[in-house]
Amino acid sequence: MFFDLSWSHILLFLVITLVVVGPKDLPKMMRMAGRWMGKARAMANQLRRSFDEMARQSELDELRAEIQALRADRPLADVERSLHQSILPPADLPPPPAAESVPAAKPEPAKPESQPAMTAAHETDAKT
């Protein structure tokens, strides 16, 4: 509040108003004062709403600018390009050479596995 009024100040104000205005016109004056207060509150609320709207609009403008900057930078553009790359070879490449023209490697002949002969010394060691 703008004024620091105690109950005694308010009572004194009401008594003086009653004497100056009179009991007959006091209700009209109170209605008029109430309307003025209502209009003042409505204007204050409208002003507050307009400030809130301006703040929201500035926040939205900042977010839009950030989104535009991200779109312009495109930090994941190379990932996107690699995802859209074809894994199939292009159609204009020549076909790979035929399998007949490549000489096949000759398989080596299998060697018979030889087992070492157990000597008498090894046989005695195996028994103990």
N, C-alpha and C. Protein backbone atom coordinates (compact mmCIF):
# COMPACT_ATOMS: atom_id res chain seq x y z
N MET A 1 0.84 -1.19 0.00
CA MET A 1 0.00 0.00 0.00
C MET A 1 0.88 1.24 0.00
N PHE A 2 0.27 2.32 -0.50
CA PHE A 2 1.00 3.58 -0.57
C PHE A 2 0.95 4.33 0.75
N PHE A 3 -0.11 4.13 1.47
CA PHE A 3 -0.29 4.88 2.72
C PHE A 3 -0.23 3.93 3.90
N ASP A 4 0.35 4.41 4.95
CA ASP A 4 0.39 3.63 6.17
C ASP A 4 -0.66 4.20 7.11
N LEU A 5 -1.88 3.67 7.01
CA LEU A 5 -3.01 4.21 7.79
C LEU A 5 -3.38 3.23 8.89
N SER A 6 -3.64 3.77 10.03
CA SER A 6 -4.14 2.94 11.13
C SER A 6 -5.67 3.04 11.15
N TRP A 7 -6.31 2.25 12.02
CA TRP A 7 -7.77 2.27 12.10
C TRP A 7 -8.29 3.63 12.54
N SER A 8 -7.57 4.30 13.38
CA SER A 8 -8.03 5.62 13.84
C SER A 8 -8.00 6.64 12.70
N HIS A 9 -7.01 6.56 11.82
CA HIS A 9 -6.96 7.44 10.66
C HIS A 9 -8.13 7.17 9.71
N ILE A 10 -8.41 5.90 9.47
CA ILE A 10 -9.51 5.53 8.57
C ILE A 10 -10.84 6.00 9.15
N LEU A 11 -11.05 5.82 10.44
CA LEU A 11 -12.29 6.25 11.08
C LEU A 11 -12.44 7.76 10.99
N LEU A 12 -11.39 8.51 11.23
CA LEU A 12 -11.41 9.97 11.11
C LEU A 12 -11.75 10.39 9.68
N PHE A 13 -11.18 9.72 8.69
CA PHE A 13 -11.47 10.02 7.29
C PHE A 13 -12.94 9.77 6.97
N LEU A 14 -13.51 8.67 7.44
CA LEU A 14 -14.92 8.36 7.19
C LEU A 14 -15.85 9.39 7.84
N VAL A 15 -15.53 9.82 9.04
CA VAL A 15 -16.37 10.82 9.72
C VAL A 15 -16.34 12.15 8.97
N ILE A 16 -15.16 12.57 8.54
CA ILE A 16 -15.05 13.84 7.79
C ILE A 16 -15.78 13.73 6.46
N THR A 17 -15.67 12.59 5.78
CA THR A 17 -16.36 12.39 4.52
C THR A 17 -17.87 12.42 4.72
N LEU A 18 -18.36 11.82 5.78
CA LEU A 18 -19.79 11.80 6.08
C LEU A 18 -20.30 13.22 6.32
N VAL A 19 -19.51 14.03 7.02
CA VAL A 19 -19.93 15.40 7.32
C VAL A 19 -19.90 16.26 6.05
N VAL A 20 -18.84 16.13 5.25
CA VAL A 20 -18.69 16.98 4.05
C VAL A 20 -19.68 16.57 2.96
N VAL A 21 -19.79 15.30 2.67
CA VAL A 21 -20.64 14.83 1.57
C VAL A 21 -22.09 14.73 2.02
N GLY A 22 -22.29 14.29 3.18
CA GLY A 22 -23.66 14.11 3.69
C GLY A 22 -24.09 12.67 3.54
N PRO A 23 -25.02 12.25 4.40
CA PRO A 23 -25.47 10.86 4.37
C PRO A 23 -26.27 10.52 3.11
N LYS A 24 -26.88 11.51 2.50
CA LYS A 24 -27.70 11.26 1.33
C LYS A 24 -26.84 10.92 0.11
N ASP A 25 -25.74 11.62 -0.11
CA ASP A 25 -24.88 11.41 -1.28
C ASP A 25 -23.71 10.46 -1.03
N LEU A 26 -23.56 9.99 0.19
CA LEU A 26 -22.44 9.09 0.52
C LEU A 26 -22.48 7.78 -0.28
N PRO A 27 -23.65 7.10 -0.41
CA PRO A 27 -23.67 5.86 -1.21
C PRO A 27 -23.28 6.09 -2.69
N LYS A 28 -23.71 7.23 -3.27
CA LYS A 28 -23.35 7.54 -4.65
C LYS A 28 -21.84 7.72 -4.78
N MET A 29 -21.28 8.46 -3.81
CA MET A 29 -19.84 8.70 -3.85
C MET A 29 -19.06 7.39 -3.67
N MET A 30 -19.52 6.49 -2.81
CA MET A 30 -18.83 5.21 -2.59
C MET A 30 -18.89 4.34 -3.86
N ARG A 31 -20.06 4.36 -4.55
CA ARG A 31 -20.17 3.61 -5.80
C ARG A 31 -19.20 4.16 -6.84
N MET A 32 -19.14 5.50 -6.93
CA MET A 32 -18.24 6.13 -7.88
C MET A 32 -16.78 5.79 -7.54
N ALA A 33 -16.43 5.82 -6.27
CA ALA A 33 -15.06 5.48 -5.86
C ALA A 33 -14.77 4.01 -6.17
N GLY A 34 -15.76 3.15 -5.97
CA GLY A 34 -15.59 1.72 -6.29
C GLY A 34 -15.36 1.50 -7.78
N ARG A 35 -16.11 2.24 -8.62
CA ARG A 35 -15.91 2.13 -10.07
C ARG A 35 -14.51 2.58 -10.46
N TRP A 36 -14.08 3.70 -9.88
CA TRP A 36 -12.73 4.18 -10.19
C TRP A 36 -11.67 3.15 -9.78
N MET A 37 -11.87 2.56 -8.60
CA MET A 37 -10.92 1.53 -8.15
C MET A 37 -10.94 0.32 -9.09
N GLY A 38 -12.16 -0.05 -9.54
CA GLY A 38 -12.27 -1.17 -10.49
C GLY A 38 -11.56 -0.87 -11.80
N LYS A 39 -11.75 0.37 -12.30
CA LYS A 39 -11.07 0.76 -13.54
C LYS A 39 -9.55 0.77 -13.35
N ALA A 40 -9.12 1.28 -12.20
CA ALA A 40 -7.67 1.33 -11.93
C ALA A 40 -7.09 -0.09 -11.86
N ARG A 41 -7.81 -1.01 -11.21
CA ARG A 41 -7.34 -2.40 -11.15
C ARG A 41 -7.32 -3.05 -12.53
N ALA A 42 -8.36 -2.78 -13.33
CA ALA A 42 -8.41 -3.34 -14.69
C ALA A 42 -7.24 -2.83 -15.52
N MET A 43 -6.94 -1.53 -15.41
CA MET A 43 -5.80 -0.99 -16.17
C MET A 43 -4.48 -1.59 -15.67
N ALA A 44 -4.36 -1.76 -14.36
CA ALA A 44 -3.13 -2.36 -13.81
C ALA A 44 -2.99 -3.80 -14.29
N ASN A 45 -4.10 -4.55 -14.31
CA ASN A 45 -4.05 -5.94 -14.80
C ASN A 45 -3.70 -5.99 -16.28
N GLN A 46 -4.28 -5.06 -17.07
CA GLN A 46 -3.98 -5.01 -18.49
C GLN A 46 -2.51 -4.69 -18.72
N LEU A 47 -1.97 -3.75 -17.94
CA LEU A 47 -0.57 -3.39 -18.05
C LEU A 47 0.32 -4.58 -17.70
N ARG A 48 -0.04 -5.30 -16.64
CA ARG A 48 0.73 -6.47 -16.23
C ARG A 48 0.68 -7.56 -17.31
N ARG A 49 -0.51 -7.77 -17.89
CA ARG A 49 -0.63 -8.76 -18.96
C ARG A 49 0.20 -8.38 -20.18
N SER A 50 0.20 -7.10 -20.51
CA SER A 50 0.99 -6.69 -21.68
C SER A 50 2.49 -6.88 -21.42
N PHE A 51 2.95 -6.60 -20.19
CA PHE A 51 4.35 -6.85 -19.86
C PHE A 51 4.67 -8.34 -19.92
N ASP A 52 3.78 -9.16 -19.39
CA ASP A 52 3.99 -10.61 -19.45
C ASP A 52 4.04 -11.10 -20.89
N GLU A 53 3.15 -10.57 -21.72
CA GLU A 53 3.12 -10.95 -23.14
C GLU A 53 4.40 -10.53 -23.84
N MET A 54 4.89 -9.34 -23.55
CA MET A 54 6.15 -8.89 -24.15
C MET A 54 7.31 -9.78 -23.71
N ALA A 55 7.32 -10.17 -22.43
CA ALA A 55 8.39 -11.05 -21.94
C ALA A 55 8.33 -12.41 -22.63
N ARG A 56 7.10 -12.97 -22.77
CA ARG A 56 6.95 -14.25 -23.45
C ARG A 56 7.38 -14.14 -24.92
N GLN A 57 7.00 -13.03 -25.55
CA GLN A 57 7.36 -12.84 -26.95
C GLN A 57 8.87 -12.75 -27.12
N SER A 58 9.53 -12.06 -26.21
CA SER A 58 11.00 -11.95 -26.31
C SER A 58 11.65 -13.31 -26.09
N GLU A 59 11.11 -14.12 -25.17
CA GLU A 59 11.64 -15.47 -24.96
C GLU A 59 11.44 -16.32 -26.20
N LEU A 60 10.26 -16.19 -26.83
CA LEU A 60 10.00 -16.95 -28.05
C LEU A 60 10.93 -16.51 -29.17
N ASP A 61 11.19 -15.21 -29.27
CA ASP A 61 12.12 -14.72 -30.29
C ASP A 61 13.52 -15.28 -30.07
N GLU A 62 13.95 -15.35 -28.82
CA GLU A 62 15.26 -15.92 -28.51
C GLU A 62 15.31 -17.41 -28.89
N LEU A 63 14.24 -18.15 -28.57
CA LEU A 63 14.20 -19.57 -28.93
C LEU A 63 14.22 -19.75 -30.44
N ARG A 64 13.47 -18.91 -31.16
CA ARG A 64 13.47 -19.00 -32.62
C ARG A 64 14.87 -18.74 -33.18
N ALA A 65 15.55 -17.75 -32.61
CA ALA A 65 16.91 -17.44 -33.08
C ALA A 65 17.84 -18.62 -32.82
N GLU A 66 17.72 -19.27 -31.66
CA GLU A 66 18.55 -20.44 -31.36
C GLU A 66 18.26 -21.58 -32.32
N ILE A 67 16.99 -21.79 -32.63
CA ILE A 67 16.63 -22.87 -33.56
C ILE A 67 17.18 -22.58 -34.94
N GLN A 68 17.07 -21.33 -35.38
CA GLN A 68 17.62 -20.95 -36.68
C GLN A 68 19.13 -21.18 -36.72
N ALA A 69 19.81 -20.82 -35.62
CA ALA A 69 21.27 -21.02 -35.56
C ALA A 69 21.61 -22.51 -35.64
N LEU A 70 20.84 -23.34 -34.95
CA LEU A 70 21.09 -24.78 -35.01
C LEU A 70 20.83 -25.33 -36.41
N ARG A 71 19.79 -24.82 -37.06
CA ARG A 71 19.51 -25.28 -38.42
C ARG A 71 20.62 -24.85 -39.37
N ALA A 72 21.15 -23.66 -39.17
CA ALA A 72 22.21 -23.17 -40.04
C ALA A 72 23.51 -23.94 -39.80
N ASP A 73 23.82 -24.25 -38.54
CA ASP A 73 25.05 -24.97 -38.22
C ASP A 73 24.99 -26.42 -38.66
N ARG A 74 23.87 -27.07 -38.44
CA ARG A 74 23.66 -28.48 -38.77
C ARG A 74 24.84 -29.33 -38.31
N PRO A 75 25.03 -29.48 -37.01
CA PRO A 75 26.18 -30.23 -36.51
C PRO A 75 26.15 -31.71 -36.89
N LEU A 76 25.00 -32.25 -37.21
CA LEU A 76 24.92 -33.68 -37.53
C LEU A 76 24.69 -33.91 -39.02
N ALA A 77 25.06 -32.93 -39.85
CA ALA A 77 24.85 -33.06 -41.29
C ALA A 77 25.64 -34.22 -41.87
N ASP A 78 26.89 -34.43 -41.42
CA ASP A 78 27.69 -35.53 -41.95
C ASP A 78 27.09 -36.88 -41.57
N VAL A 79 26.49 -36.97 -40.40
CA VAL A 79 25.83 -38.22 -40.00
C VAL A 79 24.61 -38.46 -40.89
N GLU A 80 23.88 -37.40 -41.16
CA GLU A 80 22.71 -37.53 -42.02
C GLU A 80 23.12 -37.97 -43.42
N ARG A 81 24.19 -37.39 -43.95
CA ARG A 81 24.67 -37.77 -45.27
C ARG A 81 25.06 -39.25 -45.30
N SER A 82 25.76 -39.71 -44.26
CA SER A 82 26.20 -41.10 -44.25
C SER A 82 25.01 -42.06 -44.11
N LEU A 83 23.95 -41.60 -43.43
CA LEU A 83 22.77 -42.45 -43.31
C LEU A 83 22.02 -42.57 -44.64
N HIS A 84 22.08 -41.53 -45.45
CA HIS A 84 21.36 -41.54 -46.72
C HIS A 84 22.20 -42.08 -47.87
N GLN A 85 23.46 -42.42 -47.62
CA GLN A 85 24.32 -42.98 -48.65
C GLN A 85 23.87 -44.40 -48.98
N SER A 86 23.92 -44.73 -50.24
CA SER A 86 23.52 -46.07 -50.67
C SER A 86 24.64 -47.06 -50.38
N ILE A 87 24.28 -48.26 -49.98
CA ILE A 87 25.29 -49.29 -49.75
C ILE A 87 25.49 -50.14 -51.01
N LEU A 88 24.64 -49.95 -52.00
CA LEU A 88 24.77 -50.68 -53.26
C LEU A 88 25.73 -49.92 -54.17
N PRO A 89 26.50 -50.63 -54.98
CA PRO A 89 27.41 -49.92 -55.90
C PRO A 89 26.60 -49.21 -56.97
N PRO A 90 27.13 -48.13 -57.49
CA PRO A 90 26.42 -47.43 -58.56
C PRO A 90 26.26 -48.30 -59.79
N ALA A 91 25.25 -48.04 -60.58
CA ALA A 91 24.95 -48.87 -61.76
C ALA A 91 25.96 -48.64 -62.87
N ASP A 92 26.67 -47.54 -62.92
CA ASP A 92 27.59 -47.25 -64.02
C ASP A 92 28.98 -47.87 -63.84
N LEU A 93 29.24 -48.58 -62.77
CA LEU A 93 30.52 -49.25 -62.57
C LEU A 93 30.56 -50.54 -63.40
N PRO A 94 31.76 -50.90 -63.92
CA PRO A 94 31.83 -52.17 -64.67
C PRO A 94 31.67 -53.34 -63.71
N PRO A 95 31.15 -54.45 -64.20
CA PRO A 95 30.96 -55.61 -63.32
C PRO A 95 32.30 -56.18 -62.89
N PRO A 96 32.34 -56.85 -61.75
CA PRO A 96 33.60 -57.45 -61.29
C PRO A 96 34.02 -58.57 -62.24
N PRO A 97 35.33 -58.91 -62.30
CA PRO A 97 35.79 -59.98 -63.21
C PRO A 97 35.14 -61.30 -62.86
N ALA A 98 34.95 -62.12 -63.88
CA ALA A 98 34.31 -63.42 -63.69
C ALA A 98 35.21 -64.33 -62.89
N ALA A 99 34.64 -65.30 -62.23
CA ALA A 99 35.39 -66.22 -61.38
C ALA A 99 36.27 -67.14 -62.21
N GLU A 100 35.93 -67.39 -63.49
CA GLU A 100 36.70 -68.29 -64.34
C GLU A 100 38.06 -67.69 -64.69
N SER A 101 38.13 -66.41 -64.82
CA SER A 101 39.38 -65.80 -65.24
C SER A 101 40.40 -65.73 -64.12
N VAL A 102 39.98 -65.90 -62.90
CA VAL A 102 40.90 -65.86 -61.77
C VAL A 102 41.39 -67.29 -61.54
N PRO A 103 42.71 -67.52 -61.55
CA PRO A 103 43.19 -68.89 -61.33
C PRO A 103 42.93 -69.33 -59.89
N ALA A 104 42.46 -70.53 -59.76
CA ALA A 104 42.16 -71.06 -58.43
C ALA A 104 43.44 -71.57 -57.80
N ALA A 105 43.57 -71.43 -56.54
CA ALA A 105 44.75 -71.91 -55.81
C ALA A 105 44.66 -73.42 -55.70
N LYS A 106 45.79 -74.09 -55.93
CA LYS A 106 45.81 -75.54 -55.83
C LYS A 106 45.87 -75.94 -54.37
N PRO A 107 45.01 -76.87 -53.98
CA PRO A 107 45.08 -77.31 -52.59
C PRO A 107 46.32 -78.18 -52.37
N GLU A 108 46.92 -78.05 -51.22
CA GLU A 108 48.09 -78.84 -50.89
C GLU A 108 47.66 -80.25 -50.51
N PRO A 109 48.44 -81.22 -50.87
CA PRO A 109 48.08 -82.60 -50.49
C PRO A 109 48.18 -82.78 -48.98
N ALA A 110 47.29 -83.57 -48.46
CA ALA A 110 47.27 -83.79 -47.02
C ALA A 110 48.44 -84.66 -46.61
N LYS A 111 49.10 -84.26 -45.55
CA LYS A 111 50.25 -85.02 -45.06
C LYS A 111 49.76 -86.00 -44.02
N PRO A 112 50.24 -87.21 -44.07
CA PRO A 112 49.81 -88.17 -43.04
C PRO A 112 50.40 -87.77 -41.69
N GLU A 113 49.59 -87.89 -40.73
CA GLU A 113 50.04 -87.52 -39.39
C GLU A 113 50.90 -88.64 -38.83
N SER A 114 52.03 -88.29 -38.34
CA SER A 114 52.92 -89.30 -37.78
C SER A 114 52.92 -89.15 -36.28
N GLN A 115 52.82 -90.27 -35.60
CA GLN A 115 52.85 -90.25 -34.15
C GLN A 115 54.24 -90.68 -33.70
N PRO A 116 54.79 -89.96 -32.76
CA PRO A 116 56.12 -90.35 -32.31
C PRO A 116 56.05 -91.68 -31.56
N ALA A 117 57.02 -92.47 -31.77
CA ALA A 117 57.07 -93.77 -31.10
C ALA A 117 57.49 -93.56 -29.67
N MET A 118 56.84 -94.30 -28.79
CA MET A 118 57.15 -94.15 -27.38
C MET A 118 58.37 -95.02 -27.08
N THR A 119 59.26 -94.40 -26.44
CA THR A 119 60.45 -95.14 -26.05
C THR A 119 60.18 -95.82 -24.73
N ALA A 120 61.04 -96.72 -24.37
CA ALA A 120 60.88 -97.45 -23.12
C ALA A 120 60.95 -96.52 -21.92
N ALA A 121 61.77 -95.48 -22.03
CA ALA A 121 61.90 -94.53 -20.92
C ALA A 121 60.59 -93.76 -20.74
N HIS A 122 59.97 -93.41 -21.81
CA HIS A 122 58.71 -92.70 -21.73
C HIS A 122 57.61 -93.58 -21.20
N GLU A 123 57.63 -94.85 -21.56
CA GLU A 123 56.60 -95.78 -21.09
C GLU A 123 56.66 -95.95 -19.59
N THR A 124 57.87 -96.03 -19.01
CA THR A 124 58.00 -96.21 -17.59
C THR A 124 57.56 -94.94 -16.85
N ASP A 125 57.84 -93.78 -17.45
CA ASP A 125 57.43 -92.53 -16.82
C ASP A 125 55.90 -92.40 -16.83
N ALA A 126 55.27 -92.91 -17.86
CA ALA A 126 53.83 -92.82 -17.96
C ALA A 126 53.14 -93.74 -16.98
N LYS A 127 53.78 -94.88 -16.64
CA LYS A 127 53.16 -95.82 -15.71
C LYS A 127 53.23 -95.31 -14.28
N THR A 128 54.23 -94.56 -13.90
CA THR A 128 54.37 -94.08 -12.53
C THR A 128 53.61 -92.85 -12.27
